[in-house]
Amino acid sequence: ANYPHHEGFWGWGSLADQTILLVPYIRRSLVEYNDVLSDMGYPTTWDDPDIREKLLYIDKTPQELWYEWRDLRVMDEVHWWGWFIDYWMEGGLLRDIFTHKKVTQDHWNELMIRPFYPREELAFSRFGDPNAIVRDTYDPHCAKGEISNGCAPVEVVSVDRLVDYTRGPAETAKIATALLSDSKTGDHVIAQQA
C-alpha cells in the first residue's frame, strides 16, 4: 500500500501483524509514477482514474509531458517520498509533508482529505502556529494497534536489490525471515533448502 501517500489508502483494516517496507529507487519510481499519471490524464480527484484505468502502460508518455511534470512537481514528490519513509520508520508519527515538523491529529486529518491540493494549500503555516510545540502524535491506525506489532517496519527491503540476480537472494531472505518470525505466517514459509 502507498499509505499515507495521497495515492494510497489503508486497505487492510486490522489484519496486518507487521510491516516490511519495500523501497524502490526514487528516480525510476518518479518516472513510472508520472507514466501512470499521464496514462490516466493527470487526475485531480479520486473518481477520474477509474475512467482511464484500461489505458495504463499502453503508450509511452510523451517526453514533453515528462519534462513539464518534472519541472512542476518533482521536488514536491521528493518531499512526499521522504515523508512516506519517515512515517513508516517512525512508527506512524504524524509529520508535515514539506517541513517534516510534527503535526496535530487535526492537521493530519486535513492533509489526508486534501490529496490533490497544491503545496501552497498544504503549507504548514495554514494549520496553526508554525512555532507551536507539538507533542508526538501517532496515526490512529498505528496507535490503536491495527498492526499488532506496530507500524515501524520489522525489515526494510530494497526493491532494486530484490530483483537483482546477485543481490536478490539476500533481500528475499530478509522477507522470508520476517515472515518466518511471525506466528501467523511462519508455518507457510518454504524452507531455504527447498
Protein backbone atom coordinates (compact mmCIF):
# COMPACT_ATOMS: atom_id res chain seq x y z
CA ALA A 1 0.00 0.00 0.00
CA ASN A 2 1.16 3.53 -0.60
CA TYR A 3 -0.50 4.84 2.55
CA PRO A 4 -0.17 7.59 3.77
CA HIS A 5 0.83 8.99 0.36
CA HIS A 6 -2.06 10.69 -1.40
CA GLU A 7 -2.21 7.84 -3.92
CA GLY A 8 -2.59 5.21 -1.21
CA PHE A 9 -5.13 4.13 1.37
CA TRP A 10 -5.24 1.98 4.49
CA GLY A 11 -6.91 -1.02 2.94
CA TRP A 12 -6.10 -3.96 5.18
CA GLY A 13 -8.00 -2.88 8.29
CA SER A 14 -6.59 -4.61 11.34
CA LEU A 15 -5.41 -7.77 9.55
CA ALA A 16 -1.70 -6.87 9.41
CA ASP A 17 0.74 -8.17 12.01
CA GLN A 18 3.88 -6.44 10.86
CA THR A 19 5.27 -4.06 8.27
CA ILE A 20 8.01 -4.74 5.74
CA LEU A 21 8.97 -1.52 3.98
CA LEU A 22 9.88 -2.01 0.31
CA VAL A 23 11.84 0.96 -1.02
CA PRO A 24 12.31 1.31 -4.79
CA TYR A 25 14.85 3.56 -6.47
CA ILE A 26 13.39 7.08 -6.38
CA ARG A 27 14.47 8.24 -9.86
CA ARG A 28 12.88 5.30 -11.64
CA SER A 29 9.83 5.43 -9.37
CA LEU A 30 9.16 9.07 -10.20
CA VAL A 31 9.34 8.35 -13.93
CA GLU A 32 6.98 5.37 -13.52
CA TYR A 33 4.65 7.42 -11.33
CA ASN A 34 4.49 10.12 -13.99
CA ASP A 35 3.82 7.47 -16.64
CA VAL A 36 0.79 6.23 -14.68
CA LEU A 37 -0.44 9.77 -14.09
CA SER A 38 -0.04 10.55 -17.79
CA ASP A 39 -1.92 7.39 -18.80
CA MET A 40 -4.76 8.46 -16.51
CA GLY A 41 -4.80 12.03 -17.80
CA TYR A 42 -3.26 13.53 -14.63
CA PRO A 43 -6.34 13.03 -12.40
CA THR A 44 -7.28 15.62 -9.81
CA THR A 45 -9.97 13.65 -7.99
CA TRP A 46 -10.38 10.07 -6.84
CA ASP A 47 -13.11 9.49 -9.45
CA ASP A 48 -11.03 10.35 -12.51
CA PRO A 49 -8.66 7.30 -12.51
CA ASP A 50 -11.49 4.78 -13.00
CA ILE A 51 -12.27 6.28 -16.39
CA ARG A 52 -8.82 5.70 -17.90
CA GLU A 53 -7.54 2.69 -15.96
CA LYS A 54 -7.63 0.46 -19.08
CA LEU A 55 -5.13 2.78 -20.77
CA LEU A 56 -2.32 2.04 -18.28
CA TYR A 57 1.02 1.08 -19.83
CA ILE A 58 -0.26 1.13 -23.43
CA ASP A 59 1.65 4.16 -24.71
CA LYS A 60 4.88 5.78 -23.67
CA THR A 61 4.47 9.19 -22.01
CA PRO A 62 5.47 11.95 -24.43
CA GLN A 63 8.82 13.40 -23.40
CA GLU A 64 7.50 16.96 -23.24
CA LEU A 65 4.83 15.87 -20.70
CA TRP A 66 7.53 14.26 -18.57
CA TYR A 67 9.62 17.45 -18.59
CA GLU A 68 6.61 19.62 -17.82
CA TRP A 69 5.56 17.42 -14.88
CA ARG A 70 9.16 17.07 -13.67
CA ASP A 71 9.73 20.81 -13.59
CA LEU A 72 6.41 21.42 -11.85
CA ARG A 73 6.19 18.52 -9.39
CA VAL A 74 9.34 16.50 -8.86
CA MET A 75 10.73 18.38 -5.84
CA ASP A 76 7.35 18.18 -4.11
CA GLU A 77 7.23 14.46 -4.87
CA VAL A 78 10.70 14.09 -3.31
CA HIS A 79 9.23 15.64 -0.14
CA TRP A 80 6.29 13.18 -0.28
CA TRP A 81 8.82 10.35 -0.74
CA GLY A 82 10.83 11.29 2.35
CA TRP A 83 7.66 11.91 4.35
CA PHE A 84 6.36 8.46 3.39
CA ILE A 85 9.58 6.77 4.55
CA ASP A 86 9.69 8.85 7.76
CA TYR A 87 6.09 7.88 8.52
CA TRP A 88 6.86 4.17 8.49
CA MET A 89 10.35 4.35 10.03
CA GLU A 90 8.97 6.41 12.92
CA GLY A 91 6.06 4.06 13.53
CA GLY A 92 3.35 6.36 12.17
CA LEU A 93 4.49 9.61 13.81
CA LEU A 94 2.44 12.42 12.29
CA ARG A 95 4.55 14.97 10.42
CA ASP A 96 4.03 17.72 7.88
CA ILE A 97 4.84 16.74 4.31
CA PHE A 98 7.16 19.61 3.43
CA THR A 99 8.67 20.80 6.73
CA HIS A 100 8.68 17.39 8.44
CA LYS A 101 7.63 19.13 11.65
CA LYS A 102 5.37 17.16 13.98
CA VAL A 103 1.67 17.90 13.50
CA THR A 104 -1.55 17.50 15.45
CA GLN A 105 -4.22 14.96 14.61
CA ASP A 106 -6.41 17.74 13.17
CA HIS A 107 -3.61 18.90 10.87
CA TRP A 108 -3.00 15.29 9.78
CA ASN A 109 -6.69 14.79 9.04
CA GLU A 110 -6.63 17.86 6.80
CA LEU A 111 -3.61 16.51 4.91
CA MET A 112 -5.40 13.20 4.36
CA ILE A 113 -8.52 14.78 2.86
CA ARG A 114 -6.60 17.15 0.55
CA PRO A 115 -4.66 14.72 -1.63
CA PHE A 116 -4.73 16.75 -4.84
CA TYR A 117 -4.11 20.18 -3.35
CA PRO A 118 -1.02 22.16 -4.37
CA ARG A 119 1.86 22.68 -1.98
CA GLU A 120 0.66 26.17 -1.05
CA GLU A 121 -2.69 24.80 0.12
CA LEU A 122 -0.91 22.22 2.28
CA ALA A 123 1.56 24.71 3.81
CA PHE A 124 2.34 24.03 7.46
CA SER A 125 1.56 27.64 8.42
CA ARG A 126 -2.05 27.28 7.21
CA PHE A 127 -2.85 24.84 10.01
CA GLY A 128 -1.78 26.78 13.09
CA ASP A 129 1.15 28.47 14.77
CA PRO A 130 4.34 27.35 12.98
CA ASN A 131 6.30 27.88 16.22
CA ALA A 132 3.98 25.83 18.43
CA ILE A 133 5.48 22.83 20.20
CA VAL A 134 3.54 19.74 19.13
CA ARG A 135 3.72 16.57 21.19
CA ASP A 136 4.30 13.25 19.46
CA THR A 137 1.05 12.09 17.90
CA TYR A 138 0.74 8.80 16.05
CA ASP A 139 -1.60 7.75 13.29
CA PRO A 140 -4.63 6.11 14.92
CA HIS A 141 -4.06 3.05 12.71
CA CYS A 142 -0.73 2.59 14.47
CA ALA A 143 -1.66 3.85 17.93
CA LYS A 144 -4.78 1.69 18.23
CA GLY A 145 -2.96 -1.49 17.31
CA GLU A 146 -4.40 -2.15 13.85
CA ILE A 147 -0.98 -3.60 13.06
CA SER A 148 -0.47 -5.82 16.07
CA ASN A 149 3.31 -5.35 16.16
CA GLY A 150 3.16 -1.61 15.37
CA CYS A 151 3.75 0.40 12.22
CA ALA A 152 7.55 0.53 12.38
CA PRO A 153 8.88 -1.97 9.84
CA VAL A 154 10.41 -5.21 11.02
CA GLU A 155 12.51 -5.10 7.86
CA VAL A 156 13.45 -2.66 5.09
CA VAL A 157 13.96 -4.14 1.64
CA SER A 158 15.45 -2.57 -1.49
CA VAL A 159 13.22 -3.35 -4.46
CA ASP A 160 16.18 -2.91 -6.80
CA ARG A 161 18.27 -5.41 -4.89
CA LEU A 162 15.29 -7.76 -4.66
CA VAL A 163 15.08 -8.08 -8.46
CA ASP A 164 18.86 -8.23 -8.96
CA TYR A 165 20.17 -11.73 -9.72
CA THR A 166 23.20 -11.32 -7.46
CA ARG A 167 21.75 -9.38 -4.52
CA GLY A 168 18.15 -10.66 -4.79
CA PRO A 169 18.57 -13.79 -2.68
CA ALA A 170 19.75 -11.75 0.34
CA GLU A 171 16.77 -9.37 0.05
CA THR A 172 14.41 -12.33 -0.36
CA ALA A 173 15.93 -13.89 2.77
CA LYS A 174 15.11 -10.69 4.69
CA ILE A 175 11.45 -11.02 3.73
CA ALA A 176 11.39 -14.74 4.46
CA THR A 177 12.99 -14.23 7.87
CA ALA A 178 10.41 -11.59 8.78
CA LEU A 179 7.56 -13.86 7.68
CA LEU A 180 9.12 -16.88 9.39
CA SER A 181 9.31 -14.93 12.64
CA ASP A 182 5.56 -14.21 12.62
CA SER A 183 3.37 -16.87 14.27
CA LYS A 184 0.65 -16.48 11.61
CA THR A 185 2.90 -16.85 8.57
CA GLY A 186 5.89 -18.79 9.86
CA ASP A 187 4.44 -22.23 9.10
CA HIS A 188 3.83 -21.23 5.49
CA VAL A 189 7.37 -20.14 4.56
CA ILE A 190 9.20 -22.59 2.33
CA ALA A 191 12.45 -23.83 3.84
CA GLN A 192 15.63 -22.30 2.43
CA GLN A 193 16.87 -25.73 1.36
CA ALA A 194 13.86 -26.26 -0.94
